[in-house]
Structure formats: structure tokens, C-alpha cells
């Protein structure tokens, strides 16, 4: 079923591209014949709207299930002790070690590559 949705999605993009090309060709035709542009033909408008509907529906089918927006759904499984545990706020390299009187700046030229990986 997913393959069919992807195929219809591709056909929807092709149809939308064709509608855009038809609109540009219609405008060029009007310029050549020195006619005033009032609006696009109904078939081009209908093709563009139908293509957009096909694209939107099939993107929703291909993407899959969405997560809930409410934060309470994700936080229900966590305890109070783990709520403050946020790994993105961990700081290992900070200026505190430079303020220590016993801190020595490492010399990268004297180290080999395995020692450099431990500094990061």
C-alpha cells in the first residue's frame, strides 16, 4: 500500500508540474496574440487544485503516524527524578579547570592522536 501511495504522490507532483507549465504556456500564448490576461482557464485551475489535494493526502499517508503535540503525553512515563536530567545541558569543557592553580594547558604537539580524542 505504501508503494501505491508513493506512486500516486509522484503522479501528483508531475501533474502539478504540468499545471504550472500549462499556466506559463497560456501566458506566453496571450502575450504572442496580444490579448489581455484575465484569469487562467478552468482546466488548469482544476488540475492544480486536484494535484495539491492528491499531494497533501498521499504525503500524510506516506509519512505515517504523528506524535501528540501535548507535552504531558511524553512526560507521563517519566518520574520527577528524571525530569531534570537533560543530557543536552551537560558541560564537560568549561573554564573552571583553567581557574585552578594546578591546571596545565595540554600541549597538542607532544601528544599523539589517541590522546587528542580524550580532550574533546
PDB file of N, CA and C in Angstrom:
ATOM      1  N   UNK A   1       0.821  -1.188   0.000  1.00  0.00           N
ATOM      2  CA  UNK A   1       0.000   0.000   0.000  1.00  0.00           C
ATOM      3  C   UNK A   1       0.871   1.260   0.000  1.00  0.00           C
ATOM      4  N   UNK A   2       2.023   1.187   0.673  1.00  0.00           N
ATOM      5  CA  UNK A   2       2.908   2.354   0.726  1.00  0.00           C
ATOM      6  C   UNK A   2       3.471   2.655  -0.662  1.00  0.00           C
ATOM      7  N   UNK A   3       3.744   1.614  -1.434  1.00  0.00           N
ATOM      8  CA  UNK A   3       4.260   1.831  -2.781  1.00  0.00           C
ATOM      9  C   UNK A   3       3.229   2.545  -3.651  1.00  0.00           C
ATOM     10  N   UNK A   4       1.967   2.171  -3.508  1.00  0.00           N
ATOM     11  CA  UNK A   4       0.906   2.822  -4.277  1.00  0.00           C
ATOM     12  C   UNK A   4       0.775   4.298  -3.887  1.00  0.00           C
ATOM     13  N   UNK A   5       0.880   4.575  -2.584  1.00  0.00           N
ATOM     14  CA  UNK A   5       0.808   5.974  -2.141  1.00  0.00           C
ATOM     15  C   UNK A   5       1.977   6.783  -2.680  1.00  0.00           C
ATOM     16  N   UNK A   6       3.167   6.195  -2.704  1.00  0.00           N
ATOM     17  CA  UNK A   6       4.329   6.896  -3.247  1.00  0.00           C
ATOM     18  C   UNK A   6       4.181   7.121  -4.746  1.00  0.00           C
ATOM     19  N   UNK A   7       3.603   6.171  -5.431  1.00  0.00           N
ATOM     20  CA  UNK A   7       3.384   6.301  -6.865  1.00  0.00           C
ATOM     21  C   UNK A   7       2.371   7.410  -7.163  1.00  0.00           C
ATOM     22  N   UNK A   8       1.281   7.444  -6.398  1.00  0.00           N
ATOM     23  CA  UNK A   8       0.271   8.491  -6.594  1.00  0.00           C
ATOM     24  C   UNK A   8       0.847   9.851  -6.195  1.00  0.00           C
ATOM     25  N   UNK A   9       1.711   9.892  -5.180  1.00  0.00           N
ATOM     26  CA  UNK A   9       2.379  11.134  -4.790  1.00  0.00           C
ATOM     27  C   UNK A   9       3.263  11.650  -5.916  1.00  0.00           C
ATOM     28  N   UNK A  10       4.004  10.755  -6.531  1.00  0.00           N
ATOM     29  CA  UNK A  10       4.846  11.140  -7.668  1.00  0.00           C
ATOM     30  C   UNK A  10       3.989  11.642  -8.827  1.00  0.00           C
ATOM     31  N   UNK A  11       2.870  10.956  -9.087  1.00  0.00           N
ATOM     32  CA  UNK A  11       1.969  11.398 -10.150  1.00  0.00           C
ATOM     33  C   UNK A  11       1.361  12.763  -9.816  1.00  0.00           C
ATOM     34  N   UNK A  12       1.080  13.014  -8.554  1.00  0.00           N
ATOM     35  CA  UNK A  12       0.556  14.313  -8.150  1.00  0.00           C
ATOM     36  C   UNK A  12       1.568  15.432  -8.390  1.00  0.00           C
ATOM     37  N   UNK A  13       2.851  15.163  -8.081  1.00  0.00           N
ATOM     38  CA  UNK A  13       3.882  16.168  -8.347  1.00  0.00           C
ATOM     39  C   UNK A  13       4.046  16.411  -9.849  1.00  0.00           C
ATOM     40  N   UNK A  14       3.979  15.332 -10.635  1.00  0.00           N
ATOM     41  CA  UNK A  14       4.059  15.501 -12.090  1.00  0.00           C
ATOM     42  C   UNK A  14       2.877  16.308 -12.621  1.00  0.00           C
ATOM     43  N   UNK A  15       1.698  16.035 -12.086  1.00  0.00           N
ATOM     44  CA  UNK A  15       0.507  16.755 -12.521  1.00  0.00           C
ATOM     45  C   UNK A  15       0.587  18.234 -12.128  1.00  0.00           C
ATOM     46  N   UNK A  16       1.113  18.519 -10.933  1.00  0.00           N
ATOM     47  CA  UNK A  16       1.279  19.909 -10.514  1.00  0.00           C
ATOM     48  C   UNK A  16       2.313  20.624 -11.383  1.00  0.00           C
ATOM     49  N   UNK A  17       3.377  19.931 -11.724  1.00  0.00           N
ATOM     50  CA  UNK A  17       4.386  20.494 -12.625  1.00  0.00           C
ATOM     51  C   UNK A  17       3.775  20.769 -14.006  1.00  0.00           C
ATOM     52  N   UNK A  18       2.935  19.859 -14.487  1.00  0.00           N
ATOM     53  CA  UNK A  18       2.273  20.045 -15.772  1.00  0.00           C
ATOM     54  C   UNK A  18       1.315  21.239 -15.732  1.00  0.00           C
ATOM     55  N   UNK A  19       0.612  21.410 -14.615  1.00  0.00           N
ATOM     56  CA  UNK A  19      -0.299  22.552 -14.491  1.00  0.00           C
ATOM     57  C   UNK A  19       0.477  23.865 -14.498  1.00  0.00           C
ATOM     58  N   UNK A  20       1.636  23.885 -13.826  1.00  0.00           N
ATOM     59  CA  UNK A  20       2.457  25.102 -13.825  1.00  0.00           C
ATOM     60  C   UNK A  20       2.987  25.397 -15.222  1.00  0.00           C
ATOM     61  N   UNK A  21       3.414  24.371 -15.937  1.00  0.00           N
ATOM     62  CA  UNK A  21       3.901  24.554 -17.303  1.00  0.00           C
ATOM     63  C   UNK A  21       2.771  25.024 -18.227  1.00  0.00           C
ATOM     64  N   UNK A  22       1.579  24.474 -18.028  1.00  0.00           N
ATOM     65  CA  UNK A  22       0.433  24.886 -18.843  1.00  0.00           C
ATOM     66  C   UNK A  22       0.064  26.338 -18.573  1.00  0.00           C
ATOM     67  N   UNK A  23       0.164  26.769 -17.319  1.00  0.00           N
ATOM     68  CA  UNK A  23      -0.133  28.164 -16.991  1.00  0.00           C
ATOM     69  C   UNK A  23       0.886  29.095 -17.642  1.00  0.00           C
ATOM     70  N   UNK A  24       2.159  28.714 -17.601  1.00  0.00           N
ATOM     71  CA  UNK A  24       3.186  29.543 -18.245  1.00  0.00           C
ATOM     72  C   UNK A  24       3.002  29.572 -19.750  1.00  0.00           C
ATOM     73  N   UNK A  25       2.626  28.439 -20.339  1.00  0.00           N
ATOM     74  CA  UNK A  25       2.397  28.379 -21.781  1.00  0.00           C
ATOM     75  C   UNK A  25       1.173  29.224 -22.175  1.00  0.00           C
ATOM     76  N   UNK A  26       0.149  29.218 -21.328  1.00  0.00           N
ATOM     77  CA  UNK A  26      -1.043  30.025 -21.598  1.00  0.00           C
ATOM     78  C   UNK A  26      -0.696  31.515 -21.565  1.00  0.00           C
ATOM     79  N   UNK A  27       0.115  31.915 -20.578  1.00  0.00           N
ATOM     80  CA  UNK A  27       0.532  33.322 -20.514  1.00  0.00           C
ATOM     81  C   UNK A  27       1.363  33.715 -21.731  1.00  0.00           C
ATOM     82  N   UNK A  28       2.232  32.825 -22.183  1.00  0.00           N
ATOM     83  CA  UNK A  28       3.035  33.118 -23.372  1.00  0.00           C
ATOM     84  C   UNK A  28       2.146  33.230 -24.609  1.00  0.00           C
ATOM     85  N   UNK A  29       1.133  32.375 -24.707  1.00  0.00           N
ATOM     86  CA  UNK A  29       0.200  32.432 -25.831  1.00  0.00           C
ATOM     87  C   UNK A  29      -0.546  33.768 -25.845  1.00  0.00           C
ATOM     88  N   UNK A  30      -0.960  34.234 -24.662  1.00  0.00           N
ATOM     89  CA  UNK A  30      -1.673  35.511 -24.587  1.00  0.00           C
ATOM     90  C   UNK A  30      -0.772  36.679 -24.969  1.00  0.00           C
ATOM     91  N   UNK A  31       0.510  36.608 -24.610  1.00  0.00           N
ATOM     92  CA  UNK A  31       1.433  37.679 -24.994  1.00  0.00           C
ATOM     93  C   UNK A  31       1.669  37.698 -26.499  1.00  0.00           C
ATOM     94  N   UNK A  32       1.766  36.522 -27.092  1.00  0.00           N
ATOM     95  CA  UNK A  32       2.005  36.443 -28.536  1.00  0.00           C
ATOM     96  C   UNK A  32       0.814  36.993 -29.311  1.00  0.00           C
ATOM     97  N   UNK A  33      -0.383  36.674 -28.885  1.00  0.00           N
ATOM     98  CA  UNK A  33      -1.589  37.121 -29.594  1.00  0.00           C
ATOM     99  C   UNK A  33      -2.079  38.485 -29.130  1.00  0.00           C
ATOM    100  N   UNK A  34      -1.328  39.150 -28.242  1.00  0.00           N
ATOM    101  CA  UNK A  34      -1.661  40.487 -27.739  1.00  0.00           C
ATOM    102  C   UNK A  34      -3.047  40.541 -27.098  1.00  0.00           C
ATOM    103  N   UNK A  35      -3.352  39.519 -26.315  1.00  0.00           N
ATOM    104  CA  UNK A  35      -4.617  39.500 -25.581  1.00  0.00           C
ATOM    105  C   UNK A  35      -4.361  39.867 -24.123  1.00  0.00           C
ATOM    106  N   UNK A  36      -5.381  40.386 -23.486  1.00  0.00           N
ATOM    107  CA  UNK A  36      -5.285  40.758 -22.072  1.00  0.00           C
ATOM    108  C   UNK A  36      -5.452  39.524 -21.196  1.00  0.00           C
ATOM    109  N   UNK A  37      -4.618  39.411 -20.163  1.00  0.00           N
ATOM    110  CA  UNK A  37      -4.728  38.284 -19.227  1.00  0.00           C
ATOM    111  C   UNK A  37      -5.780  38.606 -18.181  1.00  0.00           C
ATOM    112  N   UNK A  38      -6.813  37.787 -18.124  1.00  0.00           N
ATOM    113  CA  UNK A  38      -7.842  37.981 -17.102  1.00  0.00           C
ATOM    114  C   UNK A  38      -7.720  36.899 -16.023  1.00  0.00           C
ATOM    115  N   UNK A  39      -7.717  35.652 -16.432  1.00  0.00           N
ATOM    116  CA  UNK A  39      -7.517  34.559 -15.487  1.00  0.00           C
ATOM    117  C   UNK A  39      -7.110  33.300 -16.253  1.00  0.00           C
ATOM    118  N   UNK A  40      -6.711  32.297 -15.512  1.00  0.00           N
ATOM    119  CA  UNK A  40      -6.317  31.037 -16.136  1.00  0.00           C
ATOM    120  C   UNK A  40      -7.545  30.244 -16.555  1.00  0.00           C
ATOM    121  N   UNK A  41      -7.405  29.373 -17.546  1.00  0.00           N
ATOM    122  CA  UNK A  41      -8.522  28.502 -17.905  1.00  0.00           C
ATOM    123  C   UNK A  41      -8.906  27.585 -16.736  1.00  0.00           C
ATOM    124  N   UNK A  42     -10.145  27.183 -16.730  1.00  0.00           N
ATOM    125  CA  UNK A  42     -10.675  26.370 -15.628  1.00  0.00           C
ATOM    126  C   UNK A  42      -9.971  25.025 -15.538  1.00  0.00           C
ATOM    127  N   UNK A  43      -9.598  24.433 -16.666  1.00  0.00           N
ATOM    128  CA  UNK A  43      -8.964  23.118 -16.604  1.00  0.00           C
ATOM    129  C   UNK A  43      -7.591  23.175 -15.920  1.00  0.00           C
ATOM    130  N   UNK A  44      -6.862  24.268 -16.105  1.00  0.00           N
ATOM    131  CA  UNK A  44      -5.557  24.398 -15.438  1.00  0.00           C
ATOM    132  C   UNK A  44      -5.755  24.596 -13.936  1.00  0.00           C
ATOM    133  N   UNK A  45      -6.726  25.412 -13.551  1.00  0.00           N
ATOM    134  CA  UNK A  45      -7.019  25.626 -12.133  1.00  0.00           C
ATOM    135  C   UNK A  45      -7.473  24.329 -11.473  1.00  0.00           C
ATOM    136  N   UNK A  46      -8.359  23.603 -12.152  1.00  0.00           N
ATOM    137  CA  UNK A  46      -8.854  22.332 -11.621  1.00  0.00           C
ATOM    138  C   UNK A  46      -7.717  21.325 -11.478  1.00  0.00           C
ATOM    139  N   UNK A  47      -6.824  21.261 -12.457  1.00  0.00           N
ATOM    140  CA  UNK A  47      -5.693  20.325 -12.397  1.00  0.00           C
ATOM    141  C   UNK A  47      -4.758  20.688 -11.242  1.00  0.00           C
ATOM    142  N   UNK A  48      -4.514  21.960 -11.031  1.00  0.00           N
ATOM    143  CA  UNK A  48      -3.627  22.377  -9.941  1.00  0.00           C
ATOM    144  C   UNK A  48      -4.239  22.052  -8.581  1.00  0.00           C
ATOM    145  N   UNK A  49      -5.520  22.319  -8.410  1.00  0.00           N
ATOM    146  CA  UNK A  49      -6.171  22.045  -7.125  1.00  0.00           C
ATOM    147  C   UNK A  49      -6.234  20.546  -6.864  1.00  0.00           C
ATOM    148  N   UNK A  50      -6.590  19.765  -7.874  1.00  0.00           N
ATOM    149  CA  UNK A  50      -6.636  18.315  -7.713  1.00  0.00           C
ATOM    150  C   UNK A  50      -5.252  17.743  -7.415  1.00  0.00           C
ATOM    151  N   UNK A  51      -4.229  18.273  -8.052  1.00  0.00           N
ATOM    152  CA  UNK A  51      -2.864  17.819  -7.791  1.00  0.00           C
ATOM    153  C   UNK A  51      -2.449  18.128  -6.357  1.00  0.00           C
ATOM    154  N   UNK A  52      -2.786  19.313  -5.881  1.00  0.00           N
ATOM    155  CA  UNK A  52      -2.453  19.673  -4.494  1.00  0.00           C
ATOM    156  C   UNK A  52      -3.172  18.776  -3.493  1.00  0.00           C
ATOM    157  N   UNK A  53      -4.427  18.460  -3.748  1.00  0.00           N
ATOM    158  CA  UNK A  53      -5.167  17.573  -2.860  1.00  0.00           C
ATOM    159  C   UNK A  53      -4.537  16.186  -2.858  1.00  0.00           C
ATOM    160  N   UNK A  54      -4.174  15.677  -4.028  1.00  0.00           N
ATOM    161  CA  UNK A  54      -3.509  14.368  -4.110  1.00  0.00           C
ATOM    162  C   UNK A  54      -2.177  14.376  -3.369  1.00  0.00           C
ATOM    163  N   UNK A  55      -1.414  15.423  -3.530  1.00  0.00           N
ATOM    164  CA  UNK A  55      -0.113  15.514  -2.880  1.00  0.00           C
ATOM    165  C   UNK A  55      -0.274  15.556  -1.358  1.00  0.00           C
ATOM    166  N   UNK A  56      -1.175  16.383  -0.877  1.00  0.00           N
ATOM    167  CA  UNK A  56      -1.363  16.506   0.576  1.00  0.00           C
ATOM    168  C   UNK A  56      -1.838  15.192   1.181  1.00  0.00           C
ATOM    169  N   UNK A  57      -2.802  14.553   0.561  1.00  0.00           N
ATOM    170  CA  UNK A  57      -3.328  13.298   1.098  1.00  0.00           C
ATOM    171  C   UNK A  57      -2.253  12.215   1.111  1.00  0.00           C
ATOM    172  N   UNK A  58      -1.516  12.080   0.023  1.00  0.00           N
ATOM    173  CA  UNK A  58      -0.541  10.996  -0.051  1.00  0.00           C
ATOM    174  C   UNK A  58       0.706  11.272   0.779  1.00  0.00           C
ATOM    175  N   UNK A  59       1.055  12.530   0.998  1.00  0.00           N
ATOM    176  CA  UNK A  59       2.155  12.816   1.925  1.00  0.00           C
ATOM    177  C   UNK A  59       1.754  12.387   3.327  1.00  0.00           C
ATOM    178  N   UNK A  60       0.516  12.651   3.705  1.00  0.00           N
ATOM    179  CA  UNK A  60       0.059  12.220   5.025  1.00  0.00           C
ATOM    180  C   UNK A  60       0.041  10.704   5.152  1.00  0.00           C
ATOM    181  N   UNK A  61      -0.222   9.997   4.064  1.00  0.00           N
ATOM    182  CA  UNK A  61      -0.229   8.543   4.098  1.00  0.00           C
ATOM    183  C   UNK A  61       1.181   7.962   4.131  1.00  0.00           C
ATOM    184  N   UNK A  62       2.108   8.589   3.429  1.00  0.00           N
ATOM    185  CA  UNK A  62       3.479   8.072   3.348  1.00  0.00           C
ATOM    186  C   UNK A  62       4.236   8.349   4.641  1.00  0.00           C
ATOM    187  N   UNK A  63       4.025   9.511   5.251  1.00  0.00           N
ATOM    188  CA  UNK A  63       4.778   9.902   6.439  1.00  0.00           C
ATOM    189  C   UNK A  63       4.496   8.961   7.601  1.00  0.00           C
ATOM    190  N   UNK A  64       3.293   8.592   7.822  1.00  0.00           N
ATOM    191  CA  UNK A  64       2.973   7.678   8.917  1.00  0.00           C
ATOM    192  C   UNK A  64       2.300   8.394  10.070  1.00  0.00           C
ATOM    193  N   UNK A  65       2.419   7.777  11.256  1.00  0.00           N
ATOM    194  CA  UNK A  65       1.744   8.305  12.442  1.00  0.00           C
ATOM    195  C   UNK A  65       2.481   9.524  12.993  1.00  0.00           C
ATOM    196  N   UNK A  66       1.714  10.465  13.481  1.00  0.00           N
ATOM    197  CA  UNK A  66       2.265  11.661  14.092  1.00  0.00           C
ATOM    198  C   UNK A  66       2.290  11.492  15.601  1.00  0.00           C
ATOM    199  N   UNK A  67       3.206  12.202  16.250  1.00  0.00           N
ATOM    200  CA  UNK A  67       3.233  12.214  17.700  1.00  0.00           C
ATOM    201  C   UNK A  67       2.285  13.297  18.196  1.00  0.00           C
ATOM    202  N   UNK A  68       1.815  13.111  19.406  1.00  0.00           N
ATOM    203  CA  UNK A  68       0.938  14.108  20.003  1.00  0.00           C
ATOM    204  C   UNK A  68       1.731  15.364  20.317  1.00  0.00           C
ATOM    205  N   UNK A  69       1.096  16.508  20.205  1.00  0.00           N
ATOM    206  CA  UNK A  69       1.752  17.771  20.473  1.00  0.00           C
ATOM    207  C   UNK A  69       1.824  18.035  21.973  1.00  0.00           C
ATOM    208  N   UNK A  70       0.874  17.560  22.710  1.00  0.00           N
ATOM    209  CA  UNK A  70       0.838  17.823  24.144  1.00  0.00           C
ATOM    210  C   UNK A  70       2.082  17.255  24.816  1.00  0.00           C
ATOM    211  N   UNK A  71       2.715  18.039  25.656  1.00  0.00           N
ATOM    212  CA  UNK A  71       3.919  17.607  26.351  1.00  0.00           C
ATOM    213  C   UNK A  71       3.594  16.592  27.438  1.00  0.00           C
ATOM    214  N   UNK A  72       2.391  16.611  27.948  1.00  0.00           N
ATOM    215  CA  UNK A  72       2.027  15.707  29.036  1.00  0.00           C
ATOM    216  C   UNK A  72       2.067  14.254  28.598  1.00  0.00           C
ATOM    217  N   UNK A  73       1.844  13.979  27.337  1.00  0.00           N
ATOM    218  CA  UNK A  73       1.859  12.611  26.857  1.00  0.00           C
ATOM    219  C   UNK A  73       3.265  12.014  26.985  1.00  0.00           C
ATOM    220  N   UNK A  74       4.294  12.797  26.639  1.00  0.00           N
ATOM    221  CA  UNK A  74       5.666  12.300  26.748  1.00  0.00           C
ATOM    222  C   UNK A  74       6.155  12.289  28.188  1.00  0.00           C
ATOM    223  N   UNK A  75       5.642  13.186  29.013  1.00  0.00           N
ATOM    224  CA  UNK A  75       6.130  13.299  30.383  1.00  0.00           C
ATOM    225  C   UNK A  75       5.443  12.343  31.351  1.00  0.00           C
ATOM    226  N   UNK A  76       4.391  11.663  30.954  1.00  0.00           N
ATOM    227  CA  UNK A  76       3.679  10.763  31.852  1.00  0.00           C
ATOM    228  C   UNK A  76       4.539   9.565  32.248  1.00  0.00           C
ATOM    229  N   UNK A  77       5.406   9.116  31.352  1.00  0.00           N
ATOM    230  CA  UNK A  77       6.220   7.934  31.641  1.00  0.00           C
ATOM    231  C   UNK A  77       7.462   8.266  32.451  1.00  0.00           C
ATOM    232  N   UNK A  78       7.767   9.542  32.677  1.00  0.00           N
ATOM    233  CA  UNK A  78       8.974   9.932  33.390  1.00  0.00           C
ATOM    234  C   UNK A  78       8.653  10.244  34.852  1.00  0.00           C
ATOM    235  N   UNK A  79       9.633   9.976  35.705  1.00  0.00           N
ATOM    236  CA  UNK A  79       9.474  10.312  37.112  1.00  0.00           C
ATOM    237  C   UNK A  79      10.049  11.697  37.368  1.00  0.00           C
ATOM    238  N   UNK A  80       9.818  12.228  38.580  1.00  0.00           N
ATOM    239  CA  UNK A  80      10.315  13.551  38.925  1.00  0.00           C
ATOM    240  C   UNK A  80      11.836  13.591  38.955  1.00  0.00           C
ATOM    241  N   UNK A  81      12.471  12.469  39.265  1.00  0.00           N
ATOM    242  CA  UNK A  81      13.932  12.437  39.336  1.00  0.00           C
ATOM    243  C   UNK A  81      14.565  12.573  37.955  1.00  0.00           C
ATOM    244  N   UNK A  82      13.915  12.068  36.932  1.00  0.00           N
ATOM    245  CA  UNK A  82      14.499  12.101  35.592  1.00  0.00           C
ATOM    246  C   UNK A  82      14.115  13.333  34.792  1.00  0.00           C
ATOM    247  N   UNK A  83      13.207  14.158  35.290  1.00  0.00           N
ATOM    248  CA  UNK A  83      12.802  15.341  34.535  1.00  0.00           C
ATOM    249  C   UNK A  83      13.929  16.367  34.427  1.00  0.00           C
ATOM    250  N   UNK A  84      14.751  16.482  35.463  1.00  0.00           N
ATOM    251  CA  UNK A  84      15.856  17.431  35.429  1.00  0.00           C
ATOM    252  C   UNK A  84      17.083  16.904  34.727  1.00  0.00           C
ATOM    253  N   UNK A  85      17.069  15.668  34.335  1.00  0.00           N
ATOM    254  CA  UNK A  85      18.211  15.040  33.681  1.00  0.00           C
ATOM    255  C   UNK A  85      18.136  15.297  32.180  1.00  0.00           C
ATOM    256  N   UNK A  86      18.766  16.380  31.736  1.00  0.00           N
ATOM    257  CA  UNK A  86      18.723  16.764  30.330  1.00  0.00           C
ATOM    258  C   UNK A  86      20.145  16.691  29.776  1.00  0.00           C
ATOM    259  N   UNK A  87      20.471  15.665  28.994  1.00  0.00           N
ATOM    260  CA  UNK A  87      21.852  15.494  28.514  1.00  0.00           C
ATOM    261  C   UNK A  87      22.367  16.641  27.656  1.00  0.00           C
ATOM    262  N   UNK A  88      21.497  17.397  27.010  1.00  0.00           N
ATOM    263  CA  UNK A  88      21.989  18.479  26.158  1.00  0.00           C
ATOM    264  C   UNK A  88      22.555  19.633  26.970  1.00  0.00           C
ATOM    265  N   UNK A  89      22.284  19.663  28.295  1.00  0.00           N
ATOM    266  CA  UNK A  89      22.829  20.715  29.139  1.00  0.00           C
ATOM    267  C   UNK A  89      24.100  20.293  29.867  1.00  0.00           C
ATOM    268  N   UNK A  90      24.577  19.074  29.644  1.00  0.00           N
ATOM    269  CA  UNK A  90      25.810  18.640  30.292  1.00  0.00           C
ATOM    270  C   UNK A  90      26.975  19.442  29.737  1.00  0.00           C
ATOM    271  N   UNK A  91      27.853  19.887  30.604  1.00  0.00           N
ATOM    272  CA  UNK A  91      29.027  20.641  30.185  1.00  0.00           C
ATOM    273  C   UNK A  91      30.260  19.968  30.764  1.00  0.00           C
ATOM    274  N   UNK A  92      31.140  19.510  29.895  1.00  0.00           N
ATOM    275  CA  UNK A  92      32.349  18.849  30.342  1.00  0.00           C
ATOM    276  C   UNK A  92      33.564  19.757  30.188  1.00  0.00           C
ATOM    277  N   UNK A  93      33.581  20.585  29.193  1.00  0.00           N
ATOM    278  CA  UNK A  93      34.687  21.514  28.984  1.00  0.00           C
ATOM    279  C   UNK A  93      34.213  22.906  29.374  1.00  0.00           C
ATOM    280  N   UNK A  94      34.667  23.370  30.514  1.00  0.00           N
ATOM    281  CA  UNK A  94      34.276  24.691  30.974  1.00  0.00           C
ATOM    282  C   UNK A  94      35.507  25.417  31.502  1.00  0.00           C
ATOM    283  N   UNK A  95      35.368  26.675  31.812  1.00  0.00           N
ATOM    284  CA  UNK A  95      36.521  27.485  32.205  1.00  0.00           C
ATOM    285  C   UNK A  95      36.941  27.255  33.645  1.00  0.00           C
ATOM    286  N   UNK A  96      36.213  26.446  34.380  1.00  0.00           N
ATOM    287  CA  UNK A  96      36.564  26.188  35.773  1.00  0.00           C
ATOM    288  C   UNK A  96      37.907  25.510  35.930  1.00  0.00           C
ATOM    289  N   UNK A  97      38.252  24.625  35.000  1.00  0.00           N
ATOM    290  CA  UNK A  97      39.551  23.962  35.126  1.00  0.00           C
ATOM    291  C   UNK A  97      40.696  24.921  34.814  1.00  0.00           C
ATOM    292  N   UNK A  98      40.473  25.978  34.056  1.00  0.00           N
ATOM    293  CA  UNK A  98      41.511  26.962  33.786  1.00  0.00           C
ATOM    294  C   UNK A  98      41.737  27.868  34.992  1.00  0.00           C
ATOM    295  N   UNK A  99      40.764  27.964  35.886  1.00  0.00           N
ATOM    296  CA  UNK A  99      40.907  28.793  37.073  1.00  0.00           C
ATOM    297  C   UNK A  99      41.650  28.068  38.192  1.00  0.00           C
ATOM    298  N   UNK A 100      41.846  26.799  38.067  1.00  0.00           N
ATOM    299  CA  UNK A 100      42.552  26.020  39.080  1.00  0.00           C
ATOM    300  C   UNK A 100      44.048  26.341  39.023  1.00  0.00           C
ATOM    301  N   UNK A 101      44.716  26.486  40.193  1.00  0.00           N
ATOM    302  CA  UNK A 101      46.161  26.777  40.165  1.00  0.00           C
ATOM    303  C   UNK A 101      46.988  25.568  39.710  1.00  0.00           C
ATOM    304  N   UNK A 102      46.399  24.382  39.729  1.00  0.00           N
ATOM    305  CA  UNK A 102      47.138  23.181  39.337  1.00  0.00           C
ATOM    306  C   UNK A 102      46.900  22.767  37.892  1.00  0.00           C
ATOM    307  N   UNK A 103      46.109  23.550  37.178  1.00  0.00           N
ATOM    308  CA  UNK A 103      45.767  23.198  35.799  1.00  0.00           C
ATOM    309  C   UNK A 103      46.926  23.529  34.865  1.00  0.00           C
ATOM    310  N   UNK A 104      47.256  22.578  34.000  1.00  0.00           N
ATOM    311  CA  UNK A 104      48.288  22.795  32.989  1.00  0.00           C
ATOM    312  C   UNK A 104      47.648  22.631  31.613  1.00  0.00           C
ATOM    313  N   UNK A 105      47.932  23.575  30.753  1.00  0.00           N
ATOM    314  CA  UNK A 105      47.400  23.544  29.393  1.00  0.00           C
ATOM    315  C   UNK A 105      48.035  22.371  28.650  1.00  0.00           C
ATOM    316  N   UNK A 106      47.247  21.477  28.032  1.00  0.00           N
ATOM    317  CA  UNK A 106      47.843  20.366  27.286  1.00  0.00           C
ATOM    318  C   UNK A 106      48.551  20.860  26.025  1.00  0.00           C
ATOM    319  N   UNK A 107      49.629  20.201  25.682  1.00  0.00           N
ATOM    320  CA  UNK A 107      50.407  20.546  24.502  1.00  0.00           C
ATOM    321  C   UNK A 107      50.026  19.572  23.387  1.00  0.00           C
ATOM    322  N   UNK A 108      49.252  20.008  22.393  1.00  0.00           N
ATOM    323  CA  UNK A 108      48.813  19.094  21.332  1.00  0.00           C
ATOM    324  C   UNK A 108      49.957  18.566  20.479  1.00  0.00           C
ATOM    325  N   UNK A 109      51.035  19.299  20.379  1.00  0.00           N
ATOM    326  CA  UNK A 109      52.152  18.838  19.548  1.00  0.00           C
ATOM    327  C   UNK A 109      52.865  17.660  20.179  1.00  0.00           C
ATOM    328  N   UNK A 110      52.844  17.559  21.502  1.00  0.00           N
ATOM    329  CA  UNK A 110      53.556  16.487  22.190  1.00  0.00           C
ATOM    330  C   UNK A 110      52.701  15.227  22.320  1.00  0.00           C
ATOM    331  N   UNK A 111      51.430  15.310  22.002  1.00  0.00           N
ATOM    332  CA  UNK A 111      50.536  14.160  22.151  1.00  0.00           C
ATOM    333  C   UNK A 111      50.325  13.465  20.818  1.00  0.00           C
ATOM    334  N   UNK A 112      49.955  12.202  20.879  1.00  0.00           N
ATOM    335  CA  UNK A 112      49.576  11.505  19.648  1.00  0.00           C
ATOM    336  C   UNK A 112      48.058  11.630  19.475  1.00  0.00           C
ATOM    337  N   UNK A 113      47.529  11.089  18.430  1.00  0.00           N
ATOM    338  CA  UNK A 113      46.110  11.263  18.084  1.00  0.00           C
ATOM    339  C   UNK A 113      45.180  10.614  19.109  1.00  0.00           C
ATOM    340  N   UNK A 114      45.570   9.556  19.756  1.00  0.00           N
ATOM    341  CA  UNK A 114      44.684   8.922  20.729  1.00  0.00           C
ATOM    342  C   UNK A 114      44.495   9.800  21.953  1.00  0.00           C
ATOM    343  N   UNK A 115      45.525  10.574  22.324  1.00  0.00           N
ATOM    344  CA  UNK A 115      45.386  11.481  23.459  1.00  0.00           C
ATOM    345  C   UNK A 115      44.515  12.682  23.114  1.00  0.00           C
ATOM    346  N   UNK A 116      44.552  13.118  21.870  1.00  0.00           N
ATOM    347  CA  UNK A 116      43.745  14.271  21.456  1.00  0.00           C
ATOM    348  C   UNK A 116      42.255  13.984  21.506  1.00  0.00           C
ATOM    349  N   UNK A 117      41.875  12.724  21.248  1.00  0.00           N
ATOM    350  CA  UNK A 117      40.460  12.384  21.267  1.00  0.00           C
ATOM    351  C   UNK A 117      39.886  12.434  22.676  1.00  0.00           C
ATOM    352  N   UNK A 118      40.750  12.263  23.703  1.00  0.00           N
ATOM    353  CA  UNK A 118      40.249  12.325  25.082  1.00  0.00           C
ATOM    354  C   UNK A 118      40.050  13.759  25.549  1.00  0.00           C
ATOM    355  N   UNK A 119      40.638  14.732  24.859  1.00  0.00           N
ATOM    356  CA  UNK A 119      40.482  16.131  25.254  1.00  0.00           C
ATOM    357  C   UNK A 119      39.128  16.684  24.873  1.00  0.00           C
ATOM    358  N   UNK A 120      38.495  16.140  23.902  1.00  0.00           N
ATOM    359  CA  UNK A 120      37.231  16.684  23.402  1.00  0.00           C
ATOM    360  C   UNK A 120      36.072  16.239  24.231  1.00  0.00           C
TER     361      UNK A 120
END
